[in-house]
Amino acid sequence: MEKLVEGFKKFQSEVFRAKRELFTRLSQKQEPRALFIACSDSRIDPTLLTQTEPGELFILRNAGNIVPSYGGVLGGSTATIEYAVSVLGVKHVIVCGHTDCGVMKALLHPETVENLPAVKNWMVQAEATRRIVRENYTDLKGEELLVATIQENVRVQLSHLRTHPGVAARLRRGTLRPSMDGSTPSPPATSGPTTTRKVSLSLWWTL
């Protein structure tokens, strides 16, 4: 706790002062470039990965970087997506997976979450991932199987995004375009068209 307190003090005395103009501007409004959906894992830092400043990313984090299909779970994740797409008008929606993901491990070994009812229930949102992997990756084991699961899960969650009304409406208007870009080990610098009028849903995974 002491480290966190000292860090906050340093932010107030050094970082905030050095970037006062930025924070003053951000105190008036936010215009994030993208909605970045990532896992809650403490090792994943979206702003570090993308080298972005405060105000550039609208970040949604949860266990397993999961996007509930619309209508299934109308909770915080759904509300965050709706606000980012329909109110903030983000130009990109990125789903980012990562290696050594605990939720993906649990998909492969569900017995490990038998005593974690909330986690077990949450993982239902990734059932399609489990089925895809079980029926299409029978030749893989160990780390290779886990990496395949992580990558397939990002694809599944990207498809779930399309069930959200705000996303569907913008896809239909052509102001949000699906993109299936991905890279290993590093994410693409950009996804989809480079013009400011077209935007994308993006698939990333990190190793």
Protein backbone atom coordinates (compact mmCIF):
# COMPACT_ATOMS: atom_id res chain seq x y z
CA MET A 1 0.00 0.00 0.00
CA GLU A 2 2.85 2.36 0.80
CA LYS A 3 4.16 2.03 -2.76
CA LEU A 4 0.75 3.02 -4.16
CA VAL A 5 0.48 6.05 -1.88
CA GLU A 6 3.98 7.21 -2.81
CA GLY A 7 3.15 6.75 -6.46
CA PHE A 8 0.05 8.91 -6.13
CA LYS A 9 2.05 11.62 -4.39
CA LYS A 10 4.60 11.55 -7.21
CA PHE A 11 1.80 11.84 -9.76
CA GLN A 12 0.44 14.92 -8.00
CA SER A 13 3.80 16.63 -7.57
CA GLU A 14 5.50 15.69 -10.86
CA VAL A 15 3.34 14.10 -13.55
CA PHE A 16 0.26 16.29 -13.12
CA ARG A 17 2.32 19.45 -13.16
CA ALA A 18 4.22 18.39 -16.26
CA LYS A 19 0.98 17.57 -18.09
CA ARG A 20 -1.27 20.24 -16.61
CA GLU A 21 -2.42 21.45 -20.02
CA LEU A 22 -3.49 17.93 -21.03
CA PHE A 23 -5.40 17.31 -17.82
CA THR A 24 -7.05 20.73 -18.00
CA ARG A 25 -8.32 19.90 -21.48
CA LEU A 26 -9.49 16.46 -20.37
CA SER A 27 -11.40 17.96 -17.46
CA GLN A 28 -13.75 19.58 -20.00
CA LYS A 29 -14.50 16.58 -22.25
CA GLN A 30 -13.24 13.23 -23.47
CA GLU A 31 -12.79 12.18 -27.09
CA PRO A 32 -11.15 8.73 -26.96
CA ARG A 33 -9.84 7.23 -30.18
CA ALA A 34 -10.92 3.69 -29.35
CA LEU A 35 -12.73 1.36 -27.01
CA PHE A 36 -10.10 -1.10 -25.82
CA ILE A 37 -11.47 -4.34 -24.35
CA ALA A 38 -8.88 -6.22 -22.33
CA CYS A 39 -8.55 -8.77 -19.55
CA SER A 40 -8.39 -7.68 -15.90
CA ASP A 41 -5.06 -9.49 -15.59
CA SER A 42 -2.61 -7.25 -13.72
CA ARG A 43 0.11 -7.90 -16.30
CA ILE A 44 -1.87 -6.24 -19.11
CA ASP A 45 -1.61 -2.46 -19.43
CA PRO A 46 -3.55 -1.11 -22.45
CA THR A 47 -1.94 2.34 -22.34
CA LEU A 48 1.54 0.84 -22.12
CA LEU A 49 0.80 -1.58 -24.97
CA THR A 50 -0.48 1.19 -27.22
CA GLN A 51 1.75 4.00 -25.93
CA THR A 52 -1.26 6.27 -25.50
CA GLU A 53 -1.92 9.25 -23.24
CA PRO A 54 -4.83 9.73 -20.83
CA GLY A 55 -8.02 10.40 -22.80
CA GLU A 56 -7.06 8.38 -25.88
CA LEU A 57 -8.54 5.02 -24.83
CA PHE A 58 -11.92 4.18 -23.32
CA ILE A 59 -11.04 0.98 -21.50
CA LEU A 60 -13.24 -1.99 -20.61
CA ARG A 61 -11.57 -4.67 -18.52
CA ASN A 62 -13.01 -7.91 -17.20
CA ALA A 63 -11.97 -11.51 -16.63
CA GLY A 64 -11.08 -13.03 -20.00
CA ASN A 65 -11.70 -9.90 -22.15
CA ILE A 66 -15.24 -11.18 -22.65
CA VAL A 67 -18.01 -9.37 -24.54
CA PRO A 68 -21.43 -10.68 -23.47
CA SER A 69 -23.85 -11.09 -26.37
CA TYR A 70 -26.48 -8.36 -26.18
CA GLY A 71 -29.52 -9.39 -24.17
CA GLY A 72 -27.69 -12.09 -22.29
CA VAL A 73 -26.09 -10.00 -19.56
CA LEU A 74 -27.12 -6.33 -19.52
CA GLY A 75 -24.46 -5.29 -17.03
CA GLY A 76 -21.47 -3.01 -16.81
CA SER A 77 -19.66 -4.42 -19.84
CA THR A 78 -22.70 -3.93 -22.09
CA ALA A 79 -23.25 -0.40 -20.76
CA THR A 80 -19.61 0.50 -21.36
CA ILE A 81 -19.76 -0.69 -24.98
CA GLU A 82 -23.03 1.16 -25.57
CA TYR A 83 -21.69 4.42 -24.17
CA ALA A 84 -18.41 4.21 -26.08
CA VAL A 85 -20.05 3.47 -29.43
CA SER A 86 -23.27 5.48 -29.21
CA VAL A 87 -22.28 8.48 -27.10
CA LEU A 88 -18.53 8.93 -27.43
CA GLY A 89 -18.52 7.73 -31.03
CA VAL A 90 -15.20 5.89 -30.79
CA LYS A 91 -13.63 5.17 -34.17
CA HIS A 92 -12.28 1.74 -33.26
CA VAL A 93 -13.26 -1.14 -30.99
CA ILE A 94 -10.37 -3.42 -30.07
CA VAL A 95 -10.57 -6.80 -28.34
CA CYS A 96 -7.19 -7.79 -26.92
CA GLY A 97 -6.35 -11.23 -25.54
CA HIS A 98 -3.15 -12.32 -23.84
CA THR A 99 -1.19 -15.47 -23.08
CA ASP A 100 -1.41 -17.27 -19.73
CA CYS A 101 -5.01 -16.07 -19.32
CA GLY A 102 -6.63 -17.66 -16.27
CA VAL A 103 -10.11 -17.70 -17.78
CA MET A 104 -8.87 -19.44 -20.92
CA LYS A 105 -7.09 -22.01 -18.77
CA ALA A 106 -10.35 -22.57 -16.91
CA LEU A 107 -12.20 -23.10 -20.19
CA LEU A 108 -9.81 -25.97 -20.89
CA HIS A 109 -9.96 -27.23 -17.30
CA PRO A 110 -13.41 -26.30 -15.89
CA GLU A 111 -12.83 -28.35 -12.75
CA THR A 112 -10.52 -25.59 -11.52
CA VAL A 113 -13.45 -23.19 -11.03
CA GLU A 114 -15.94 -25.58 -9.45
CA ASN A 115 -15.73 -23.62 -6.20
CA LEU A 116 -15.90 -20.23 -7.93
CA PRO A 117 -19.59 -19.89 -8.88
CA ALA A 118 -19.33 -16.30 -10.13
CA VAL A 119 -16.38 -17.11 -12.38
CA LYS A 120 -18.06 -20.30 -13.61
CA ASN A 121 -21.21 -18.35 -14.51
CA TRP A 122 -19.22 -15.61 -16.24
CA MET A 123 -17.44 -18.19 -18.38
CA VAL A 124 -20.73 -19.15 -20.02
CA GLN A 125 -20.13 -16.07 -22.21
CA ALA A 126 -17.16 -17.93 -23.70
CA GLU A 127 -18.92 -21.27 -24.26
CA ALA A 128 -18.61 -20.84 -28.04
CA THR A 129 -14.85 -20.56 -27.60
CA ARG A 130 -14.75 -23.81 -25.64
CA ARG A 131 -16.78 -25.66 -28.27
CA ILE A 132 -14.73 -24.32 -31.19
CA VAL A 133 -11.50 -25.38 -29.54
CA ARG A 134 -12.79 -28.79 -28.42
CA GLU A 135 -14.07 -29.69 -31.87
CA ASN A 136 -11.37 -28.14 -34.07
CA TYR A 137 -8.07 -28.36 -32.20
CA THR A 138 -7.92 -32.00 -31.16
CA ASP A 139 -4.32 -32.21 -32.40
CA LEU A 140 -3.03 -29.55 -29.99
CA LYS A 141 -1.99 -29.89 -26.37
CA GLY A 142 -0.45 -27.82 -23.61
CA GLU A 143 0.73 -24.32 -24.44
CA GLU A 144 -0.21 -24.60 -28.12
CA LEU A 145 -3.79 -25.44 -27.19
CA LEU A 146 -3.94 -22.56 -24.72
CA VAL A 147 -2.68 -20.06 -27.32
CA ALA A 148 -5.25 -21.34 -29.84
CA THR A 149 -7.96 -20.92 -27.21
CA ILE A 150 -6.89 -17.36 -26.48
CA GLN A 151 -6.95 -16.44 -30.16
CA GLU A 152 -10.29 -18.11 -30.85
CA ASN A 153 -11.79 -16.37 -27.83
CA VAL A 154 -10.87 -12.96 -29.22
CA ARG A 155 -12.60 -13.87 -32.48
CA VAL A 156 -15.69 -15.07 -30.62
CA GLN A 157 -15.91 -11.89 -28.56
CA LEU A 158 -15.53 -9.82 -31.70
CA SER A 159 -18.55 -11.64 -33.13
CA HIS A 160 -20.47 -10.95 -29.91
CA LEU A 161 -19.84 -7.24 -30.42
CA ARG A 162 -21.93 -7.35 -33.58
CA THR A 163 -25.02 -8.29 -31.52
CA HIS A 164 -24.94 -4.95 -29.68
CA PRO A 165 -27.48 -2.53 -31.19
CA GLY A 166 -25.15 0.47 -31.24
CA VAL A 167 -22.42 -1.54 -32.96
CA ALA A 168 -24.88 -3.13 -35.40
CA ALA A 169 -26.34 0.25 -36.33
CA ARG A 170 -22.96 1.78 -37.07
CA LEU A 171 -21.85 -1.28 -39.03
CA ARG A 172 -25.00 -0.92 -41.14
CA ARG A 173 -24.33 2.80 -41.74
CA GLY A 174 -20.74 2.03 -42.66
CA THR A 175 -19.29 4.18 -39.87
CA LEU A 176 -17.93 1.12 -38.11
CA ARG A 177 -16.22 -1.57 -40.18
CA PRO A 178 -15.33 -5.08 -39.05
CA SER A 179 -11.66 -5.96 -39.21
CA MET A 180 -10.06 -9.33 -38.59
CA ASP A 181 -6.50 -8.06 -38.25
CA GLY A 182 -4.27 -9.70 -35.70
CA SER A 183 -0.62 -10.39 -35.15
CA THR A 184 1.72 -12.52 -33.19
CA PRO A 185 3.48 -11.43 -31.12
CA SER A 186 2.85 -7.72 -31.64
CA PRO A 187 -0.52 -6.04 -32.43
CA PRO A 188 -0.91 -4.10 -35.66
CA ALA A 189 -0.18 -0.39 -35.57
CA THR A 190 -3.50 0.26 -37.31
CA SER A 191 -6.48 -1.80 -38.36
CA GLY A 192 -8.85 -1.21 -41.25
CA PRO A 193 -8.93 1.89 -43.46
CA THR A 194 -6.77 4.86 -42.53
CA THR A 195 -9.32 7.53 -43.43
CA THR A 196 -11.03 9.36 -40.60
CA ARG A 197 -14.51 8.56 -41.93
CA LYS A 198 -14.15 4.78 -41.65
CA VAL A 199 -13.47 2.92 -38.45
CA SER A 200 -12.97 -0.67 -37.39
CA LEU A 201 -13.52 -3.52 -35.01
CA SER A 202 -10.10 -4.99 -34.39
CA LEU A 203 -8.72 -8.33 -33.31
CA TRP A 204 -5.47 -8.30 -31.35
CA TRP A 205 -3.70 -10.75 -29.16
CA THR A 206 -0.50 -10.31 -27.21
CA LEU A 207 2.17 -12.81 -26.35
